[in-house]
Protein backbone atom coordinates (compact mmCIF):
# COMPACT_ATOMS: atom_id res chain seq x y z
CA MET A 1 103.61 106.27 99.92
CA PHE A 2 106.76 107.31 101.73
CA ALA A 3 110.37 107.41 100.60
CA PRO A 4 113.50 107.73 102.70
CA LYS A 5 114.59 111.23 103.68
CA GLY A 6 117.00 112.59 101.10
CA THR A 7 115.50 110.71 98.16
CA PRO A 8 116.24 112.84 95.08
CA PRO A 9 113.23 114.87 93.89
CA ALA A 10 113.41 113.24 90.45
CA ILE A 11 112.93 109.82 92.05
CA VAL A 12 110.08 111.05 94.26
CA ASN A 13 108.34 112.59 91.25
CA ARG A 14 108.80 109.41 89.21
CA LEU A 15 107.34 107.30 92.01
CA GLN A 16 104.38 109.65 92.26
CA ASP A 17 103.80 109.50 88.49
CA GLU A 18 103.90 105.70 88.50
CA VAL A 19 101.53 105.42 91.48
CA VAL A 20 99.05 107.75 89.76
CA LYS A 21 99.22 105.58 86.63
CA ALA A 22 98.71 102.39 88.64
CA LEU A 23 95.76 103.84 90.55
CA ALA A 24 94.12 104.76 87.25
CA THR A 25 94.05 101.18 85.96
CA PRO A 26 90.73 99.34 86.08
CA GLU A 27 92.25 96.43 88.02
CA VAL A 28 93.58 98.63 90.81
CA LYS A 29 90.40 100.72 90.94
CA GLU A 30 88.32 97.54 91.27
CA ARG A 31 90.58 96.14 93.98
CA PHE A 32 90.29 99.31 96.03
CA LEU A 33 86.50 99.21 95.65
CA THR A 34 86.34 95.59 96.84
CA LEU A 35 88.40 96.58 99.88
CA GLY A 36 86.10 99.51 100.61
CA ALA A 37 89.01 101.89 100.13
CA ASP A 38 89.24 105.19 98.33
CA ALA A 39 92.53 105.98 96.61
CA TRP A 40 93.58 109.58 96.22
CA THR A 41 96.86 111.18 95.32
CA LEU A 42 98.67 114.39 96.13
CA GLU A 43 101.71 116.02 94.62
CA PRO A 44 104.82 115.39 96.76
CA ALA A 45 104.80 118.87 98.35
CA GLN A 46 101.07 118.59 99.10
CA PHE A 47 101.60 115.18 100.70
CA ASP A 48 104.43 116.54 102.86
CA ALA A 49 102.18 119.37 104.05
CA TYR A 50 99.32 116.94 104.70
CA VAL A 51 101.48 114.63 106.83
CA ARG A 52 102.90 117.55 108.81
CA ASP A 53 99.39 118.91 109.45
CA GLU A 54 98.17 115.47 110.56
CA ILE A 55 101.05 115.16 113.01
CA LYS A 56 100.27 118.58 114.47
CA SER A 57 96.53 118.01 114.67
CA ASN A 58 96.93 114.61 116.34
CA ALA A 59 99.62 115.62 118.84
CA ALA A 60 97.07 116.87 121.37
CA LEU A 61 95.00 113.69 121.02
CA VAL A 62 98.05 111.51 121.57
CA LYS A 63 99.07 113.54 124.62
CA ALA A 64 95.55 113.46 126.09
CA ALA A 65 95.43 109.68 125.67
CA GLY A 66 98.74 109.38 127.52
CA LEU A 67 100.37 107.54 124.66
CA GLN A 68 104.14 107.43 124.30
CA VAL A 69 106.46 106.51 121.49
CA GLN A 70 108.02 103.07 121.80
CA ASN A 71 111.41 102.56 120.22
């Protein structure tokens, strides 16, 4: 889940706490299973690092494929 840049840390942490609670409910777990999905959560700082690493690791692939950003 993403939030706009500049969202106060207290709000980000609250969103993360609520998502973790929702993902722990039997209904949500079952829905993810029926979709063939696996839900996992990270703390906000871990998620930020993960996204930044993914961007870096995929930059070469995007360049090699000749893809360009469309505005």
